[in-house]
Structures are given as C-alpha cells and as structure tokens.
PDB file of N, CA and C in Angstrom:
ATOM      1  N   MET A   1      16.393  12.648  -0.545  1.00  0.00           N
ATOM      2  CA  MET A   1      15.402  11.946   0.247  1.00  0.00           C
ATOM      3  C   MET A   1      15.673  10.444   0.147  1.00  0.00           C
ATOM      4  N   ASP A   2      15.641   9.784   1.272  1.00  0.00           N
ATOM      5  CA  ASP A   2      15.837   8.335   1.317  1.00  0.00           C
ATOM      6  C   ASP A   2      14.498   7.639   1.093  1.00  0.00           C
ATOM      7  N   THR A   3      14.554   6.359   0.773  1.00  0.00           N
ATOM      8  CA  THR A   3      13.318   5.605   0.574  1.00  0.00           C
ATOM      9  C   THR A   3      13.359   4.292   1.330  1.00  0.00           C
ATOM     10  N   ILE A   4      12.198   3.904   1.773  1.00  0.00           N
ATOM     11  CA  ILE A   4      11.951   2.584   2.334  1.00  0.00           C
ATOM     12  C   ILE A   4      10.899   1.977   1.421  1.00  0.00           C
ATOM     13  N   PHE A   5      11.062   0.715   1.070  1.00  0.00           N
ATOM     14  CA  PHE A   5      10.059   0.116   0.197  1.00  0.00           C
ATOM     15  C   PHE A   5       9.450  -1.125   0.820  1.00  0.00           C
ATOM     16  N   ILE A   6       8.209  -1.353   0.478  1.00  0.00           N
ATOM     17  CA  ILE A   6       7.496  -2.590   0.804  1.00  0.00           C
ATOM     18  C   ILE A   6       7.037  -3.141  -0.535  1.00  0.00           C
ATOM     19  N   LYS A   7       7.520  -4.322  -0.870  1.00  0.00           N
ATOM     20  CA  LYS A   7       7.288  -4.890  -2.197  1.00  0.00           C
ATOM     21  C   LYS A   7       6.313  -6.069  -2.144  1.00  0.00           C
ATOM     22  N   ASP A   8       5.319  -6.003  -3.004  1.00  0.00           N
ATOM     23  CA  ASP A   8       4.355  -7.085  -3.195  1.00  0.00           C
ATOM     24  C   ASP A   8       3.666  -7.536  -1.913  1.00  0.00           C
ATOM     25  N   LEU A   9       3.164  -6.582  -1.139  1.00  0.00           N
ATOM     26  CA  LEU A   9       2.327  -6.907   0.002  1.00  0.00           C
ATOM     27  C   LEU A   9       1.055  -7.539  -0.555  1.00  0.00           C
ATOM     28  N   ARG A  10       0.724  -8.712  -0.060  1.00  0.00           N
ATOM     29  CA  ARG A  10      -0.435  -9.438  -0.572  1.00  0.00           C
ATOM     30  C   ARG A  10      -1.601  -9.367   0.415  1.00  0.00           C
ATOM     31  N   ALA A  11      -2.766  -9.083  -0.140  1.00  0.00           N
ATOM     32  CA  ALA A  11      -4.001  -9.068   0.641  1.00  0.00           C
ATOM     33  C   ALA A  11      -5.082  -9.720  -0.209  1.00  0.00           C
ATOM     34  N   ARG A  12      -6.147 -10.155   0.439  1.00  0.00           N
ATOM     35  CA  ARG A  12      -7.307 -10.683  -0.274  1.00  0.00           C
ATOM     36  C   ARG A  12      -8.509  -9.885   0.192  1.00  0.00           C
ATOM     37  N   GLY A  13      -9.136  -9.197  -0.776  1.00  0.00           N
ATOM     38  CA  GLY A  13     -10.256  -8.354  -0.396  1.00  0.00           C
ATOM     39  C   GLY A  13     -11.241  -8.142  -1.518  1.00  0.00           C
ATOM     40  N   ILE A  14     -12.277  -7.426  -1.201  1.00  0.00           N
ATOM     41  CA  ILE A  14     -13.303  -7.041  -2.173  1.00  0.00           C
ATOM     42  C   ILE A  14     -12.836  -5.740  -2.821  1.00  0.00           C
ATOM     43  N   LEU A  15     -12.681  -5.777  -4.134  1.00  0.00           N
ATOM     44  CA  LEU A  15     -12.225  -4.602  -4.867  1.00  0.00           C
ATOM     45  C   LEU A  15     -12.702  -4.706  -6.305  1.00  0.00           C
ATOM     46  N   GLY A  16     -13.588  -3.821  -6.703  1.00  0.00           N
ATOM     47  CA  GLY A  16     -14.061  -3.841  -8.077  1.00  0.00           C
ATOM     48  C   GLY A  16     -15.511  -3.434  -8.193  1.00  0.00           C
ATOM     49  N   ILE A  17     -15.927  -3.245  -9.432  1.00  0.00           N
ATOM     50  CA  ILE A  17     -17.286  -2.764  -9.706  1.00  0.00           C
ATOM     51  C   ILE A  17     -18.236  -3.858 -10.172  1.00  0.00           C
ATOM     52  N   TYR A  18     -17.705  -4.975 -10.629  1.00  0.00           N
ATOM     53  CA  TYR A  18     -18.554  -6.032 -11.174  1.00  0.00           C
ATOM     54  C   TYR A  18     -19.121  -6.908 -10.051  1.00  0.00           C
ATOM     55  N   PRO A  19     -20.312  -7.470 -10.277  1.00  0.00           N
ATOM     56  CA  PRO A  19     -20.950  -8.277  -9.226  1.00  0.00           C
ATOM     57  C   PRO A  19     -20.043  -9.369  -8.652  1.00  0.00           C
ATOM     58  N   HIS A  20     -19.318 -10.089  -9.513  1.00  0.00           N
ATOM     59  CA  HIS A  20     -18.451 -11.159  -8.992  1.00  0.00           C
ATOM     60  C   HIS A  20     -17.306 -10.604  -8.138  1.00  0.00           C
ATOM     61  N   GLU A  21     -16.878  -9.362  -8.407  1.00  0.00           N
ATOM     62  CA  GLU A  21     -15.819  -8.733  -7.613  1.00  0.00           C
ATOM     63  C   GLU A  21     -16.347  -8.252  -6.256  1.00  0.00           C
ATOM     64  N   ARG A  22     -17.645  -8.039  -6.150  1.00  0.00           N
ATOM     65  CA  ARG A  22     -18.261  -7.593  -4.901  1.00  0.00           C
ATOM     66  C   ARG A  22     -18.590  -8.774  -3.989  1.00  0.00           C
ATOM     67  N   GLU A  23     -18.557  -9.992  -4.564  1.00  0.00           N
ATOM     68  CA  GLU A  23     -18.932 -11.186  -3.797  1.00  0.00           C
ATOM     69  C   GLU A  23     -17.742 -12.038  -3.382  1.00  0.00           C
ATOM     70  N   THR A  24     -16.705 -12.047  -4.196  1.00  0.00           N
ATOM     71  CA  THR A  24     -15.570 -12.944  -3.965  1.00  0.00           C
ATOM     72  C   THR A  24     -14.293 -12.141  -3.762  1.00  0.00           C
ATOM     73  N   ARG A  25     -13.590 -12.446  -2.689  1.00  0.00           N
ATOM     74  CA  ARG A  25     -12.310 -11.783  -2.435  1.00  0.00           C
ATOM     75  C   ARG A  25     -11.316 -12.159  -3.527  1.00  0.00           C
ATOM     76  N   GLN A  26     -10.487 -11.210  -3.891  1.00  0.00           N
ATOM     77  CA  GLN A  26      -9.453 -11.458  -4.886  1.00  0.00           C
ATOM     78  C   GLN A  26      -8.117 -10.961  -4.356  1.00  0.00           C
ATOM     79  N   GLU A  27      -7.048 -11.419  -4.965  1.00  0.00           N
ATOM     80  CA  GLU A  27      -5.725 -10.986  -4.548  1.00  0.00           C
ATOM     81  C   GLU A  27      -5.528  -9.516  -4.912  1.00  0.00           C
ATOM     82  N   ILE A  28      -4.943  -8.790  -3.976  1.00  0.00           N
ATOM     83  CA  ILE A  28      -4.574  -7.387  -4.180  1.00  0.00           C
ATOM     84  C   ILE A  28      -3.099  -7.277  -3.836  1.00  0.00           C
ATOM     85  N   LEU A  29      -2.325  -6.719  -4.746  1.00  0.00           N
ATOM     86  CA  LEU A  29      -0.898  -6.487  -4.497  1.00  0.00           C
ATOM     87  C   LEU A  29      -0.678  -5.002  -4.248  1.00  0.00           C
ATOM     88  N   VAL A  30       0.094  -4.705  -3.218  1.00  0.00           N
ATOM     89  CA  VAL A  30       0.393  -3.318  -2.890  1.00  0.00           C
ATOM     90  C   VAL A  30       1.902  -3.158  -2.814  1.00  0.00           C
ATOM     91  N   ASN A  31       2.401  -2.143  -3.497  1.00  0.00           N
ATOM     92  CA  ASN A  31       3.812  -1.779  -3.412  1.00  0.00           C
ATOM     93  C   ASN A  31       3.888  -0.347  -2.915  1.00  0.00           C
ATOM     94  N   LEU A  32       4.781  -0.123  -1.958  1.00  0.00           N
ATOM     95  CA  LEU A  32       4.926   1.196  -1.351  1.00  0.00           C
ATOM     96  C   LEU A  32       6.362   1.660  -1.436  1.00  0.00           C
ATOM     97  N   THR A  33       6.536   2.926  -1.720  1.00  0.00           N
ATOM     98  CA  THR A  33       7.821   3.597  -1.565  1.00  0.00           C
ATOM     99  C   THR A  33       7.567   4.752  -0.616  1.00  0.00           C
ATOM    100  N   LEU A  34       8.228   4.700   0.537  1.00  0.00           N
ATOM    101  CA  LEU A  34       8.067   5.715   1.568  1.00  0.00           C
ATOM    102  C   LEU A  34       9.286   6.620   1.531  1.00  0.00           C
ATOM    103  N   TYR A  35       9.062   7.898   1.356  1.00  0.00           N
ATOM    104  CA  TYR A  35      10.156   8.864   1.302  1.00  0.00           C
ATOM    105  C   TYR A  35      10.360   9.440   2.702  1.00  0.00           C
ATOM    106  N   THR A  36      11.581   9.325   3.197  1.00  0.00           N
ATOM    107  CA  THR A  36      11.885   9.717   4.563  1.00  0.00           C
ATOM    108  C   THR A  36      13.365  10.067   4.675  1.00  0.00           C
ATOM    109  N   ASP A  37      13.756  10.546   5.805  1.00  0.00           N
ATOM    110  CA  ASP A  37      15.165  10.803   6.087  1.00  0.00           C
ATOM    111  C   ASP A  37      15.628   9.741   7.073  1.00  0.00           C
ATOM    112  N   THR A  38      16.494   8.858   6.643  1.00  0.00           N
ATOM    113  CA  THR A  38      16.928   7.738   7.487  1.00  0.00           C
ATOM    114  C   THR A  38      18.205   8.036   8.278  1.00  0.00           C
ATOM    115  N   ARG A  39      18.739   9.231   8.159  1.00  0.00           N
ATOM    116  CA  ARG A  39      20.029   9.528   8.800  1.00  0.00           C
ATOM    117  C   ARG A  39      19.996   9.354  10.315  1.00  0.00           C
ATOM    118  N   ARG A  40      18.962   9.854  10.983  1.00  0.00           N
ATOM    119  CA  ARG A  40      18.897   9.717  12.440  1.00  0.00           C
ATOM    120  C   ARG A  40      18.836   8.237  12.836  1.00  0.00           C
ATOM    121  N   ALA A  41      18.027   7.468  12.145  1.00  0.00           N
ATOM    122  CA  ALA A  41      17.931   6.034  12.446  1.00  0.00           C
ATOM    123  C   ALA A  41      19.269   5.346  12.235  1.00  0.00           C
ATOM    124  N   ALA A  42      19.976   5.715  11.184  1.00  0.00           N
ATOM    125  CA  ALA A  42      21.286   5.120  10.916  1.00  0.00           C
ATOM    126  C   ALA A  42      22.297   5.523  11.984  1.00  0.00           C
ATOM    127  N   GLU A  43      22.188   6.756  12.430  1.00  0.00           N
ATOM    128  CA  GLU A  43      23.107   7.285  13.442  1.00  0.00           C
ATOM    129  C   GLU A  43      22.902   6.626  14.806  1.00  0.00           C
ATOM    130  N   THR A  44      21.633   6.501  15.218  1.00  0.00           N
ATOM    131  CA  THR A  44      21.343   5.963  16.553  1.00  0.00           C
ATOM    132  C   THR A  44      21.216   4.449  16.569  1.00  0.00           C
ATOM    133  N   ASP A  45      20.932   3.863  15.411  1.00  0.00           N
ATOM    134  CA  ASP A  45      20.680   2.419  15.318  1.00  0.00           C
ATOM    135  C   ASP A  45      19.570   1.999  16.280  1.00  0.00           C
ATOM    136  N   ASP A  46      18.567   2.880  16.406  1.00  0.00           N
ATOM    137  CA  ASP A  46      17.467   2.678  17.345  1.00  0.00           C
ATOM    138  C   ASP A  46      16.163   2.582  16.561  1.00  0.00           C
ATOM    139  N   ILE A  47      15.415   1.518  16.802  1.00  0.00           N
ATOM    140  CA  ILE A  47      14.153   1.304  16.096  1.00  0.00           C
ATOM    141  C   ILE A  47      13.178   2.462  16.318  1.00  0.00           C
ATOM    142  N   ALA A  48      13.282   3.141  17.440  1.00  0.00           N
ATOM    143  CA  ALA A  48      12.402   4.276  17.725  1.00  0.00           C
ATOM    144  C   ALA A  48      12.595   5.417  16.720  1.00  0.00           C
ATOM    145  N   ASP A  49      13.744   5.448  16.066  1.00  0.00           N
ATOM    146  CA  ASP A  49      14.020   6.492  15.078  1.00  0.00           C
ATOM    147  C   ASP A  49      13.738   6.033  13.645  1.00  0.00           C
ATOM    148  N   CYS A  50      13.194   4.851  13.508  1.00  0.00           N
ATOM    149  CA  CYS A  50      12.898   4.281  12.186  1.00  0.00           C
ATOM    150  C   CYS A  50      11.406   4.364  11.880  1.00  0.00           C
ATOM    151  N   VAL A  51      11.080   4.299  10.608  1.00  0.00           N
ATOM    152  CA  VAL A  51       9.691   4.079  10.209  1.00  0.00           C
ATOM    153  C   VAL A  51       9.425   2.592  10.461  1.00  0.00           C
ATOM    154  N   ASP A  52       8.391   2.300  11.218  1.00  0.00           N
ATOM    155  CA  ASP A  52       8.069   0.909  11.552  1.00  0.00           C
ATOM    156  C   ASP A  52       7.323   0.284  10.372  1.00  0.00           C
ATOM    157  N   TYR A  53       8.070  -0.250   9.428  1.00  0.00           N
ATOM    158  CA  TYR A  53       7.438  -0.766   8.211  1.00  0.00           C
ATOM    159  C   TYR A  53       6.650  -2.035   8.453  1.00  0.00           C
ATOM    160  N   ASP A  54       6.970  -2.797   9.505  1.00  0.00           N
ATOM    161  CA  ASP A  54       6.178  -3.982   9.833  1.00  0.00           C
ATOM    162  C   ASP A  54       4.772  -3.558  10.274  1.00  0.00           C
ATOM    163  N   ALA A  55       4.702  -2.617  11.190  1.00  0.00           N
ATOM    164  CA  ALA A  55       3.398  -2.136  11.664  1.00  0.00           C
ATOM    165  C   ALA A  55       2.612  -1.496  10.521  1.00  0.00           C
ATOM    166  N   LEU A  56       3.291  -0.731   9.683  1.00  0.00           N
ATOM    167  CA  LEU A  56       2.619  -0.090   8.555  1.00  0.00           C
ATOM    168  C   LEU A  56       2.088  -1.132   7.574  1.00  0.00           C
ATOM    169  N   ALA A  57       2.883  -2.132   7.278  1.00  0.00           N
ATOM    170  CA  ALA A  57       2.431  -3.193   6.366  1.00  0.00           C
ATOM    171  C   ALA A  57       1.180  -3.879   6.911  1.00  0.00           C
ATOM    172  N   GLN A  58       1.138  -4.107   8.217  1.00  0.00           N
ATOM    173  CA  GLN A  58      -0.054  -4.723   8.827  1.00  0.00           C
ATOM    174  C   GLN A  58      -1.276  -3.816   8.682  1.00  0.00           C
ATOM    175  N   LYS A  59      -1.100  -2.506   8.900  1.00  0.00           N
ATOM    176  CA  LYS A  59      -2.208  -1.558   8.750  1.00  0.00           C
ATOM    177  C   LYS A  59      -2.724  -1.540   7.314  1.00  0.00           C
ATOM    178  N   VAL A  60      -1.793  -1.522   6.366  1.00  0.00           N
ATOM    179  CA  VAL A  60      -2.172  -1.486   4.952  1.00  0.00           C
ATOM    180  C   VAL A  60      -2.919  -2.760   4.576  1.00  0.00           C
ATOM    181  N   ARG A  61      -2.406  -3.898   5.003  1.00  0.00           N
ATOM    182  CA  ARG A  61      -3.054  -5.180   4.678  1.00  0.00           C
ATOM    183  C   ARG A  61      -4.452  -5.248   5.281  1.00  0.00           C
ATOM    184  N   THR A  62      -4.574  -4.868   6.532  1.00  0.00           N
ATOM    185  CA  THR A  62      -5.878  -4.874   7.199  1.00  0.00           C
ATOM    186  C   THR A  62      -6.865  -3.979   6.451  1.00  0.00           C
ATOM    187  N   HIS A  63      -6.406  -2.794   6.058  1.00  0.00           N
ATOM    188  CA  HIS A  63      -7.296  -1.880   5.338  1.00  0.00           C
ATOM    189  C   HIS A  63      -7.690  -2.450   3.973  1.00  0.00           C
ATOM    190  N   ALA A  64      -6.724  -2.963   3.226  1.00  0.00           N
ATOM    191  CA  ALA A  64      -7.005  -3.514   1.892  1.00  0.00           C
ATOM    192  C   ALA A  64      -8.000  -4.668   1.977  1.00  0.00           C
ATOM    193  N   GLU A  65      -7.929  -5.439   3.051  1.00  0.00           N
ATOM    194  CA  GLU A  65      -8.816  -6.596   3.190  1.00  0.00           C
ATOM    195  C   GLU A  65     -10.201  -6.228   3.713  1.00  0.00           C
ATOM    196  N   SER A  66     -10.350  -5.036   4.278  1.00  0.00           N
ATOM    197  CA  SER A  66     -11.636  -4.675   4.871  1.00  0.00           C
ATOM    198  C   SER A  66     -12.340  -3.496   4.191  1.00  0.00           C
ATOM    199  N   ALA A  67     -11.657  -2.754   3.338  1.00  0.00           N
ATOM    200  CA  ALA A  67     -12.221  -1.521   2.778  1.00  0.00           C
ATOM    201  C   ALA A  67     -13.355  -1.744   1.789  1.00  0.00           C
ATOM    202  N   ALA A  68     -13.299  -2.824   1.028  1.00  0.00           N
ATOM    203  CA  ALA A  68     -14.328  -3.132   0.013  1.00  0.00           C
ATOM    204  C   ALA A  68     -14.576  -1.949  -0.922  1.00  0.00           C
ATOM    205  N   ARG A  69     -13.516  -1.377  -1.438  1.00  0.00           N
ATOM    206  CA  ARG A  69     -13.608  -0.226  -2.350  1.00  0.00           C
ATOM    207  C   ARG A  69     -14.037  -0.685  -3.745  1.00  0.00           C
ATOM    208  N   LEU A  70     -14.618   0.221  -4.480  1.00  0.00           N
ATOM    209  CA  LEU A  70     -15.030  -0.059  -5.850  1.00  0.00           C
ATOM    210  C   LEU A  70     -13.859   0.073  -6.821  1.00  0.00           C
ATOM    211  N   THR A  71     -12.969   1.034  -6.565  1.00  0.00           N
ATOM    212  CA  THR A  71     -11.891   1.296  -7.522  1.00  0.00           C
ATOM    213  C   THR A  71     -10.515   1.162  -6.870  1.00  0.00           C
ATOM    214  N   VAL A  72      -9.534   0.796  -7.677  1.00  0.00           N
ATOM    215  CA  VAL A  72      -8.157   0.744  -7.199  1.00  0.00           C
ATOM    216  C   VAL A  72      -7.674   2.154  -6.869  1.00  0.00           C
ATOM    217  N   GLU A  73      -8.203   3.150  -7.570  1.00  0.00           N
ATOM    218  CA  GLU A  73      -7.834   4.536  -7.299  1.00  0.00           C
ATOM    219  C   GLU A  73      -8.200   4.929  -5.862  1.00  0.00           C
ATOM    220  N   ALA A  74      -9.403   4.568  -5.442  1.00  0.00           N
ATOM    221  CA  ALA A  74      -9.845   4.900  -4.080  1.00  0.00           C
ATOM    222  C   ALA A  74      -9.013   4.159  -3.045  1.00  0.00           C
ATOM    223  N   LEU A  75      -8.729   2.885  -3.286  1.00  0.00           N
ATOM    224  CA  LEU A  75      -7.917   2.123  -2.336  1.00  0.00           C
ATOM    225  C   LEU A  75      -6.500   2.692  -2.258  1.00  0.00           C
ATOM    226  N   ALA A  76      -5.927   3.055  -3.385  1.00  0.00           N
ATOM    227  CA  ALA A  76      -4.584   3.641  -3.392  1.00  0.00           C
ATOM    228  C   ALA A  76      -4.561   4.944  -2.585  1.00  0.00           C
ATOM    229  N   GLU A  77      -5.580   5.753  -2.734  1.00  0.00           N
ATOM    230  CA  GLU A  77      -5.658   7.014  -1.982  1.00  0.00           C
ATOM    231  C   GLU A  77      -5.774   6.745  -0.481  1.00  0.00           C
ATOM    232  N   ASP A  78      -6.593   5.769  -0.106  1.00  0.00           N
ATOM    233  CA  ASP A  78      -6.706   5.374   1.300  1.00  0.00           C
ATOM    234  C   ASP A  78      -5.342   4.991   1.872  1.00  0.00           C
ATOM    235  N   ILE A  79      -4.634   4.168   1.125  1.00  0.00           N
ATOM    236  CA  ILE A  79      -3.333   3.664   1.579  1.00  0.00           C
ATOM    237  C   ILE A  79      -2.321   4.803   1.673  1.00  0.00           C
ATOM    238  N   ALA A  80      -2.353   5.715   0.725  1.00  0.00           N
ATOM    239  CA  ALA A  80      -1.444   6.865   0.782  1.00  0.00           C
ATOM    240  C   ALA A  80      -1.688   7.665   2.064  1.00  0.00           C
ATOM    241  N   ARG A  81      -2.953   7.882   2.406  1.00  0.00           N
ATOM    242  CA  ARG A  81      -3.273   8.623   3.636  1.00  0.00           C
ATOM    243  C   ARG A  81      -2.752   7.895   4.873  1.00  0.00           C
ATOM    244  N   LEU A  82      -2.911   6.572   4.903  1.00  0.00           N
ATOM    245  CA  LEU A  82      -2.385   5.776   6.027  1.00  0.00           C
ATOM    246  C   LEU A  82      -0.878   5.965   6.169  1.00  0.00           C
ATOM    247  N   CYS A  83      -0.185   5.887   5.062  1.00  0.00           N
ATOM    248  CA  CYS A  83       1.279   5.997   5.075  1.00  0.00           C
ATOM    249  C   CYS A  83       1.734   7.370   5.537  1.00  0.00           C
ATOM    250  N   LEU A  84       1.048   8.404   5.084  1.00  0.00           N
ATOM    251  CA  LEU A  84       1.458   9.767   5.416  1.00  0.00           C
ATOM    252  C   LEU A  84       1.193  10.121   6.876  1.00  0.00           C
ATOM    253  N   LYS A  85       0.402   9.316   7.562  1.00  0.00           N
ATOM    254  CA  LYS A  85       0.176   9.510   9.000  1.00  0.00           C
ATOM    255  C   LYS A  85       1.346   8.990   9.833  1.00  0.00           C
ATOM    256  N   GLU A  86       2.196   8.161   9.214  1.00  0.00           N
ATOM    257  CA  GLU A  86       3.331   7.585   9.935  1.00  0.00           C
ATOM    258  C   GLU A  86       4.396   8.643  10.174  1.00  0.00           C
ATOM    259  N   SER A  87       4.914   8.674  11.368  1.00  0.00           N
ATOM    260  CA  SER A  87       5.963   9.621  11.729  1.00  0.00           C
ATOM    261  C   SER A  87       7.181   9.426  10.827  1.00  0.00           C
ATOM    262  N   GLY A  88       7.647  10.517  10.248  1.00  0.00           N
ATOM    263  CA  GLY A  88       8.838  10.481   9.411  1.00  0.00           C
ATOM    264  C   GLY A  88       8.581  10.292   7.930  1.00  0.00           C
ATOM    265  N   VAL A  89       7.379   9.878   7.552  1.00  0.00           N
ATOM    266  CA  VAL A  89       7.065   9.688   6.134  1.00  0.00           C
ATOM    267  C   VAL A  89       6.645  11.035   5.554  1.00  0.00           C
ATOM    268  N   GLU A  90       7.443  11.527   4.609  1.00  0.00           N
ATOM    269  CA  GLU A  90       7.193  12.850   4.033  1.00  0.00           C
ATOM    270  C   GLU A  90       6.460  12.786   2.699  1.00  0.00           C
ATOM    271  N   LYS A  91       6.567  11.664   2.020  1.00  0.00           N
ATOM    272  CA  LYS A  91       5.948  11.482   0.710  1.00  0.00           C
ATOM    273  C   LYS A  91       5.814   9.978   0.503  1.00  0.00           C
ATOM    274  N   VAL A  92       4.869   9.576  -0.352  1.00  0.00           N
ATOM    275  CA  VAL A  92       4.668   8.145  -0.587  1.00  0.00           C
ATOM    276  C   VAL A  92       4.280   7.892  -2.039  1.00  0.00           C
ATOM    277  N   ARG A  93       4.742   6.774  -2.554  1.00  0.00           N
ATOM    278  CA  ARG A  93       4.276   6.265  -3.844  1.00  0.00           C
ATOM    279  C   ARG A  93       3.571   4.948  -3.540  1.00  0.00           C
ATOM    280  N   VAL A  94       2.337   4.833  -4.029  1.00  0.00           N
ATOM    281  CA  VAL A  94       1.514   3.652  -3.770  1.00  0.00           C
ATOM    282  C   VAL A  94       1.116   3.040  -5.100  1.00  0.00           C
ATOM    283  N   ARG A  95       1.325   1.752  -5.226  1.00  0.00           N
ATOM    284  CA  ARG A  95       0.905   1.007  -6.416  1.00  0.00           C
ATOM    285  C   ARG A  95      -0.027  -0.108  -5.951  1.00  0.00           C
ATOM    286  N   VAL A  96      -1.244  -0.125  -6.478  1.00  0.00           N
ATOM    287  CA  VAL A  96      -2.226  -1.150  -6.147  1.00  0.00           C
ATOM    288  C   VAL A  96      -2.542  -1.913  -7.426  1.00  0.00           C
ATOM    289  N   GLU A  97      -2.421  -3.237  -7.338  1.00  0.00           N
ATOM    290  CA  GLU A  97      -2.667  -4.084  -8.512  1.00  0.00           C
ATOM    291  C   GLU A  97      -3.690  -5.168  -8.210  1.00  0.00           C
ATOM    292  N   LYS A  98      -4.433  -5.538  -9.262  1.00  0.00           N
ATOM    293  CA  LYS A  98      -5.374  -6.656  -9.205  1.00  0.00           C
ATOM    294  C   LYS A  98      -4.899  -7.709 -10.210  1.00  0.00           C
ATOM    295  N   PRO A  99      -4.126  -8.699  -9.751  1.00  0.00           N
ATOM    296  CA  PRO A  99      -3.589  -9.708 -10.675  1.00  0.00           C
ATOM    297  C   PRO A  99      -4.656 -10.601 -11.311  1.00  0.00           C
ATOM    298  N   GLU A 100      -5.810 -10.730 -10.683  1.00  0.00           N
ATOM    299  CA  GLU A 100      -6.845 -11.643 -11.196  1.00  0.00           C
ATOM    300  C   GLU A 100      -7.940 -10.918 -11.984  1.00  0.00           C
ATOM    301  N   ALA A 101      -7.763  -9.619 -12.240  1.00  0.00           N
ATOM    302  CA  ALA A 101      -8.837  -8.818 -12.835  1.00  0.00           C
ATOM    303  C   ALA A 101      -9.155  -9.189 -14.278  1.00  0.00           C
ATOM    304  N   ILE A 102      -8.126  -9.409 -15.077  1.00  0.00           N
ATOM    305  CA  ILE A 102      -8.319  -9.697 -16.496  1.00  0.00           C
ATOM    306  C   ILE A 102      -7.540 -10.967 -16.830  1.00  0.00           C
ATOM    307  N   ASP A 103      -8.203 -11.908 -17.487  1.00  0.00           N
ATOM    308  CA  ASP A 103      -7.608 -13.219 -17.746  1.00  0.00           C
ATOM    309  C   ASP A 103      -6.312 -13.181 -18.546  1.00  0.00           C
ATOM    310  N   PHE A 104      -6.192 -12.306 -19.499  1.00  0.00           N
ATOM    311  CA  PHE A 104      -5.071 -12.375 -20.434  1.00  0.00           C
ATOM    312  C   PHE A 104      -3.934 -11.403 -20.116  1.00  0.00           C
ATOM    313  N   VAL A 105      -3.918 -10.844 -18.905  1.00  0.00           N
ATOM    314  CA  VAL A 105      -2.820  -9.969 -18.486  1.00  0.00           C
ATOM    315  C   VAL A 105      -2.322 -10.407 -17.106  1.00  0.00           C
ATOM    316  N   ASP A 106      -1.094 -10.064 -16.804  1.00  0.00           N
ATOM    317  CA  ASP A 106      -0.541 -10.407 -15.486  1.00  0.00           C
ATOM    318  C   ASP A 106      -1.194  -9.601 -14.367  1.00  0.00           C
ATOM    319  N   SER A 107      -1.485  -8.342 -14.637  1.00  0.00           N
ATOM    320  CA  SER A 107      -2.013  -7.489 -13.589  1.00  0.00           C
ATOM    321  C   SER A 107      -2.493  -6.164 -14.174  1.00  0.00           C
ATOM    322  N   VAL A 108      -3.431  -5.537 -13.483  1.00  0.00           N
ATOM    323  CA  VAL A 108      -3.844  -4.167 -13.781  1.00  0.00           C
ATOM    324  C   VAL A 108      -3.866  -3.402 -12.477  1.00  0.00           C
ATOM    325  N   GLY A 109      -3.714  -2.091 -12.560  1.00  0.00           N
ATOM    326  CA  GLY A 109      -3.724  -1.318 -11.333  1.00  0.00           C
ATOM    327  C   GLY A 109      -3.453   0.138 -11.555  1.00  0.00           C
ATOM    328  N   VAL A 110      -3.085   0.798 -10.478  1.00  0.00           N
ATOM    329  CA  VAL A 110      -2.824   2.241 -10.510  1.00  0.00           C
ATOM    330  C   VAL A 110      -1.655   2.532  -9.582  1.00  0.00           C
ATOM    331  N   GLU A 111      -0.928   3.573  -9.920  1.00  0.00           N
ATOM    332  CA  GLU A 111       0.179   4.041  -9.076  1.00  0.00           C
ATOM    333  C   GLU A 111       0.001   5.532  -8.863  1.00  0.00           C
ATOM    334  N   ILE A 112       0.066   5.951  -7.584  1.00  0.00           N
ATOM    335  CA  ILE A 112      -0.071   7.362  -7.262  1.00  0.00           C
ATOM    336  C   ILE A 112       1.103   7.796  -6.393  1.00  0.00           C
ATOM    337  N   GLU A 113       1.335   9.085  -6.351  1.00  0.00           N
ATOM    338  CA  GLU A 113       2.370   9.642  -5.493  1.00  0.00           C
ATOM    339  C   GLU A 113       1.758  10.835  -4.777  1.00  0.00           C
ATOM    340  N   ARG A 114       1.924  10.879  -3.463  1.00  0.00           N
ATOM    341  CA  ARG A 114       1.353  11.957  -2.663  1.00  0.00           C
ATOM    342  C   ARG A 114       2.397  12.539  -1.724  1.00  0.00           C
ATOM    343  N   PRO A 115       2.415  13.888  -1.621  1.00  0.00           N
ATOM    344  CA  PRO A 115       3.344  14.528  -0.677  1.00  0.00           C
ATOM    345  C   PRO A 115       2.775  14.528   0.744  1.00  0.00           C
TER     346      PRO A 115
END
C-alpha cells in the first residue's frame, strides 16, 4: 500500500474541556497518512487519478477550526471519517496535537488508525 502524507497542518480552534479552552482558540496540529494505491495516478500522470490532498487539507482545516470538540479523540475520529470519504483512500492514520495544552511539554495529542 502506498501512502500520501500531510504534515503539520495548522488550524486554530476550540478544543478541550477546560473553560479557557472553550473560550479561546488554540493551535491544533494535524498529521495524516493516507493509504492508497498510487499506481494509476503514476501511470496516467493525471490529477483526476490522484487523491486531491489540497482539497482534503482544506476540509480537515475547516472542520478542525469549526468543530469545537471537547476531546482530541473525537476530533481525530471526525478527521478519519472525512479522509475515508475521499476516493481512493483505503485507510488513514490521523494524529491530532495540542501544542499549547501543557506549559512544560512540546505537545500532547492522540494518534488513531482507521480502515
């Protein structure tokens, strides 16, 4: 299985359970690994045979900025469902991080994989 990746997609949204997280947007980092078969796209060199990662990145960013989820787990699941709706995506790994969540760490988050 081939992979397409989107690294460090940045969004600003409401994500968290604490009152300050429900009031102030914070940075959300999303990393995606899309499992697909790229042979047809490589053979035809036609964008119509590719996973449109630009359009997908826009959908993911829009959702992350508007979902206002309480948990990173719920947001990751939402994003996985979005990705799996894309033509050609057979499996996805989604990593959602909150870099501003805890002062003394670089980031916290969750990573899921869905078929």
